[in-house]
């Protein structure tokens, strides 16, 4: 073993001569951390597994892109893309909805108050609005 290097040096991040290896056996929250397999995680904070040996770092807290209108609150939001542009659909407690371009913060009204939630026909106990992406250039 080279001078100044221990057998422990190969097992931990930042130690020479190599970095740690990321396993692909998923997350194990059923046993104490010291008992999990070397290829498992005890937790993943801000990292999403998306395939074999492939992880995506999730978004961090950033500047606000939208503030709810006075007297309302945001009850649901959904992020989606149209082509290369990313948007957020923001639904407010008065039943209105706004589309926000996440790069420019430009806003477009999707629907006026009372359209989604609640309305006279839909009481306050009505389920919240929901959205989903449809193909690469879909809209909510």
C-alpha atoms as a PDB file:
ATOM      1  CA  UNK A   1       0.000   0.000   0.000  1.00  0.00           C
ATOM      2  CA  UNK A   2       1.462   3.431  -0.920  1.00  0.00           C
ATOM      3  CA  UNK A   3       2.775   5.589   1.904  1.00  0.00           C
ATOM      4  CA  UNK A   4       0.122   7.764   3.607  1.00  0.00           C
ATOM      5  CA  UNK A   5      -2.766   5.645   2.296  1.00  0.00           C
ATOM      6  CA  UNK A   6      -4.876   3.369   4.444  1.00  0.00           C
ATOM      7  CA  UNK A   7      -7.298   0.639   3.481  1.00  0.00           C
ATOM      8  CA  UNK A   8     -10.068   2.947   4.741  1.00  0.00           C
ATOM      9  CA  UNK A   9      -8.955   5.589   2.213  1.00  0.00           C
ATOM     10  CA  UNK A  10     -10.542   3.660  -0.655  1.00  0.00           C
ATOM     11  CA  UNK A  11     -13.994   3.547   0.922  1.00  0.00           C
ATOM     12  CA  UNK A  12     -14.975   7.142   1.556  1.00  0.00           C
ATOM     13  CA  UNK A  13     -15.768  10.137  -0.645  1.00  0.00           C
ATOM     14  CA  UNK A  14     -12.862  12.499  -1.114  1.00  0.00           C
ATOM     15  CA  UNK A  15     -10.220   9.950  -0.109  1.00  0.00           C
ATOM     16  CA  UNK A  16      -7.490   9.063  -2.587  1.00  0.00           C
ATOM     17  CA  UNK A  17      -7.106   7.218  -4.890  1.00  0.00           C
ATOM     18  CA  UNK A  18     -10.774   6.693  -5.823  1.00  0.00           C
ATOM     19  CA  UNK A  19     -14.238   7.978  -5.036  1.00  0.00           C
ATOM     20  CA  UNK A  20     -17.148   5.970  -3.632  1.00  0.00           C
ATOM     21  CA  UNK A  21     -19.367   3.807  -5.841  1.00  0.00           C
ATOM     22  CA  UNK A  22     -23.110   4.395  -6.097  1.00  0.00           C
ATOM     23  CA  UNK A  23     -25.116   1.192  -5.917  1.00  0.00           C
ATOM     24  CA  UNK A  24     -28.364   0.361  -7.633  1.00  0.00           C
ATOM     25  CA  UNK A  25     -30.314  -1.680  -5.078  1.00  0.00           C
ATOM     26  CA  UNK A  26     -32.591   1.181  -4.028  1.00  0.00           C
ATOM     27  CA  UNK A  27     -33.466   2.625  -0.647  1.00  0.00           C
ATOM     28  CA  UNK A  28     -33.668   0.424   2.453  1.00  0.00           C
ATOM     29  CA  UNK A  29     -35.416   2.104   5.382  1.00  0.00           C
ATOM     30  CA  UNK A  30     -36.324  -1.137   7.160  1.00  0.00           C
ATOM     31  CA  UNK A  31     -33.026  -1.847   8.961  1.00  0.00           C
ATOM     32  CA  UNK A  32     -30.495   0.314  10.841  1.00  0.00           C
ATOM     33  CA  UNK A  33     -28.175   2.243   8.510  1.00  0.00           C
ATOM     34  CA  UNK A  34     -25.111   0.224   9.469  1.00  0.00           C
ATOM     35  CA  UNK A  35     -26.943  -2.961   8.380  1.00  0.00           C
ATOM     36  CA  UNK A  36     -27.913  -1.988   4.836  1.00  0.00           C
ATOM     37  CA  UNK A  37     -26.184  -3.484   1.815  1.00  0.00           C
ATOM     38  CA  UNK A  38     -23.267  -1.494   0.379  1.00  0.00           C
ATOM     39  CA  UNK A  39     -25.229  -0.941  -2.827  1.00  0.00           C
ATOM     40  CA  UNK A  40     -28.316   0.452  -1.036  1.00  0.00           C
ATOM     41  CA  UNK A  41     -29.150   3.878   0.355  1.00  0.00           C
ATOM     42  CA  UNK A  42     -30.499   4.709   3.777  1.00  0.00           C
ATOM     43  CA  UNK A  43     -31.951   7.882   2.226  1.00  0.00           C
ATOM     44  CA  UNK A  44     -31.509  10.084  -0.857  1.00  0.00           C
ATOM     45  CA  UNK A  45     -31.759  13.792  -0.177  1.00  0.00           C
ATOM     46  CA  UNK A  46     -32.461  15.935  -3.252  1.00  0.00           C
ATOM     47  CA  UNK A  47     -31.423  13.136  -5.618  1.00  0.00           C
ATOM     48  CA  UNK A  48     -33.793  11.079  -7.766  1.00  0.00           C
ATOM     49  CA  UNK A  49     -32.697   7.714  -9.206  1.00  0.00           C
ATOM     50  CA  UNK A  50     -33.645   7.656 -12.907  1.00  0.00           C
ATOM     51  CA  UNK A  51     -31.887   4.514 -14.092  1.00  0.00           C
ATOM     52  CA  UNK A  52     -28.887   2.265 -13.560  1.00  0.00           C
ATOM     53  CA  UNK A  53     -26.055   4.335 -12.071  1.00  0.00           C
ATOM     54  CA  UNK A  54     -27.895   7.508 -13.093  1.00  0.00           C
ATOM     55  CA  UNK A  55     -29.129  10.128 -10.595  1.00  0.00           C
ATOM     56  CA  UNK A  56     -30.636  13.557 -11.141  1.00  0.00           C
ATOM     57  CA  UNK A  57     -30.140  16.309  -8.594  1.00  0.00           C
ATOM     58  CA  UNK A  58     -33.499  17.896  -7.815  1.00  0.00           C
ATOM     59  CA  UNK A  59     -34.190  21.595  -7.800  1.00  0.00           C
ATOM     60  CA  UNK A  60     -33.076  23.742  -4.924  1.00  0.00           C
ATOM     61  CA  UNK A  61     -35.011  26.475  -3.197  1.00  0.00           C
ATOM     62  CA  UNK A  62     -34.854  29.541  -5.407  1.00  0.00           C
ATOM     63  CA  UNK A  63     -36.472  32.889  -5.913  1.00  0.00           C
ATOM     64  CA  UNK A  64     -40.252  33.033  -6.025  1.00  0.00           C
ATOM     65  CA  UNK A  65     -41.695  33.005  -9.544  1.00  0.00           C
ATOM     66  CA  UNK A  66     -45.263  33.848  -8.543  1.00  0.00           C
ATOM     67  CA  UNK A  67     -47.163  35.427  -5.672  1.00  0.00           C
ATOM     68  CA  UNK A  68     -50.863  34.697  -5.189  1.00  0.00           C
ATOM     69  CA  UNK A  69     -53.319  37.519  -5.711  1.00  0.00           C
ATOM     70  CA  UNK A  70     -54.408  39.401  -2.604  1.00  0.00           C
ATOM     71  CA  UNK A  71     -56.995  37.437  -0.646  1.00  0.00           C
ATOM     72  CA  UNK A  72     -56.170  34.119  -2.315  1.00  0.00           C
ATOM     73  CA  UNK A  73     -53.748  31.283  -1.754  1.00  0.00           C
ATOM     74  CA  UNK A  74     -52.103  28.848  -4.137  1.00  0.00           C
ATOM     75  CA  UNK A  75     -53.940  25.532  -3.810  1.00  0.00           C
ATOM     76  CA  UNK A  76     -52.141  23.575  -6.532  1.00  0.00           C
ATOM     77  CA  UNK A  77     -49.253  24.030  -8.933  1.00  0.00           C
ATOM     78  CA  UNK A  78     -47.928  21.882 -11.740  1.00  0.00           C
ATOM     79  CA  UNK A  79     -44.711  22.260 -13.723  1.00  0.00           C
ATOM     80  CA  UNK A  80     -44.626  21.214 -17.375  1.00  0.00           C
ATOM     81  CA  UNK A  81     -42.884  22.007 -20.631  1.00  0.00           C
ATOM     82  CA  UNK A  82     -43.936  23.133 -24.073  1.00  0.00           C
ATOM     83  CA  UNK A  83     -40.986  22.458 -26.338  1.00  0.00           C
ATOM     84  CA  UNK A  84     -37.882  23.800 -24.612  1.00  0.00           C
ATOM     85  CA  UNK A  85     -39.836  26.182 -22.347  1.00  0.00           C
ATOM     86  CA  UNK A  86     -40.791  25.243 -18.779  1.00  0.00           C
ATOM     87  CA  UNK A  87     -43.974  26.611 -17.246  1.00  0.00           C
ATOM     88  CA  UNK A  88     -45.911  26.371 -14.008  1.00  0.00           C
ATOM     89  CA  UNK A  89     -49.691  26.200 -13.922  1.00  0.00           C
ATOM     90  CA  UNK A  90     -50.731  27.904 -10.684  1.00  0.00           C
ATOM     91  CA  UNK A  91     -54.267  27.363  -9.386  1.00  0.00           C
ATOM     92  CA  UNK A  92     -55.577  29.769  -6.737  1.00  0.00           C
ATOM     93  CA  UNK A  93     -58.201  29.382  -4.035  1.00  0.00           C
ATOM     94  CA  UNK A  94     -60.663  31.628  -5.916  1.00  0.00           C
ATOM     95  CA  UNK A  95     -60.791  29.130  -8.794  1.00  0.00           C
ATOM     96  CA  UNK A  96     -58.511  31.096 -11.143  1.00  0.00           C
ATOM     97  CA  UNK A  97     -55.367  29.772 -12.806  1.00  0.00           C
ATOM     98  CA  UNK A  98     -52.240  31.396 -14.225  1.00  0.00           C
ATOM     99  CA  UNK A  99     -49.457  30.041 -16.433  1.00  0.00           C
ATOM    100  CA  UNK A 100     -45.979  31.253 -15.409  1.00  0.00           C
ATOM    101  CA  UNK A 101     -42.902  30.967 -17.634  1.00  0.00           C
ATOM    102  CA  UNK A 102     -40.239  29.765 -15.179  1.00  0.00           C
ATOM    103  CA  UNK A 103     -37.388  31.429 -17.114  1.00  0.00           C
ATOM    104  CA  UNK A 104     -38.927  34.882 -17.540  1.00  0.00           C
ATOM    105  CA  UNK A 105     -41.729  34.899 -14.912  1.00  0.00           C
ATOM    106  CA  UNK A 106     -44.102  36.100 -17.659  1.00  0.00           C
ATOM    107  CA  UNK A 107     -47.686  35.332 -16.664  1.00  0.00           C
ATOM    108  CA  UNK A 108     -50.692  34.369 -18.771  1.00  0.00           C
ATOM    109  CA  UNK A 109     -54.178  33.976 -17.301  1.00  0.00           C
ATOM    110  CA  UNK A 110     -55.450  30.447 -17.953  1.00  0.00           C
ATOM    111  CA  UNK A 111     -58.852  30.871 -16.319  1.00  0.00           C
ATOM    112  CA  UNK A 112     -60.831  33.485 -14.419  1.00  0.00           C
ATOM    113  CA  UNK A 113     -61.961  33.185 -10.797  1.00  0.00           C
ATOM    114  CA  UNK A 114     -64.566  30.475 -10.174  1.00  0.00           C
ATOM    115  CA  UNK A 115     -63.466  28.297 -13.095  1.00  0.00           C
ATOM    116  CA  UNK A 116     -61.702  25.496 -11.247  1.00  0.00           C
ATOM    117  CA  UNK A 117     -62.346  25.662  -7.518  1.00  0.00           C
ATOM    118  CA  UNK A 118     -64.644  26.362  -5.700  1.00  0.00           C
ATOM    119  CA  UNK A 119     -67.659  27.539  -7.655  1.00  0.00           C
ATOM    120  CA  UNK A 120     -71.322  27.800  -6.691  1.00  0.00           C
ATOM    121  CA  UNK A 121     -71.834  24.434  -8.387  1.00  0.00           C
ATOM    122  CA  UNK A 122     -68.700  22.976  -6.740  1.00  0.00           C
ATOM    123  CA  UNK A 123     -68.685  23.434  -2.947  1.00  0.00           C
ATOM    124  CA  UNK A 124     -65.531  24.037  -0.909  1.00  0.00           C
ATOM    125  CA  UNK A 125     -65.134  20.301  -0.234  1.00  0.00           C
ATOM    126  CA  UNK A 126     -64.606  19.670  -3.962  1.00  0.00           C
ATOM    127  CA  UNK A 127     -61.291  17.961  -4.804  1.00  0.00           C
ATOM    128  CA  UNK A 128     -58.437  20.268  -5.757  1.00  0.00           C
ATOM    129  CA  UNK A 129     -57.573  20.832  -9.413  1.00  0.00           C
ATOM    130  CA  UNK A 130     -55.035  18.456 -10.947  1.00  0.00           C
ATOM    131  CA  UNK A 131     -52.938  18.517 -14.120  1.00  0.00           C
ATOM    132  CA  UNK A 132     -50.677  16.214 -16.110  1.00  0.00           C
ATOM    133  CA  UNK A 133     -48.274  16.495 -19.034  1.00  0.00           C
ATOM    134  CA  UNK A 134     -49.409  14.951 -22.306  1.00  0.00           C
ATOM    135  CA  UNK A 135     -46.454  14.168 -24.593  1.00  0.00           C
ATOM    136  CA  UNK A 136     -43.457  16.496 -24.920  1.00  0.00           C
ATOM    137  CA  UNK A 137     -45.368  19.584 -25.965  1.00  0.00           C
ATOM    138  CA  UNK A 138     -48.582  19.030 -24.058  1.00  0.00           C
ATOM    139  CA  UNK A 139     -50.383  21.534 -21.916  1.00  0.00           C
ATOM    140  CA  UNK A 140     -51.861  20.916 -18.473  1.00  0.00           C
END
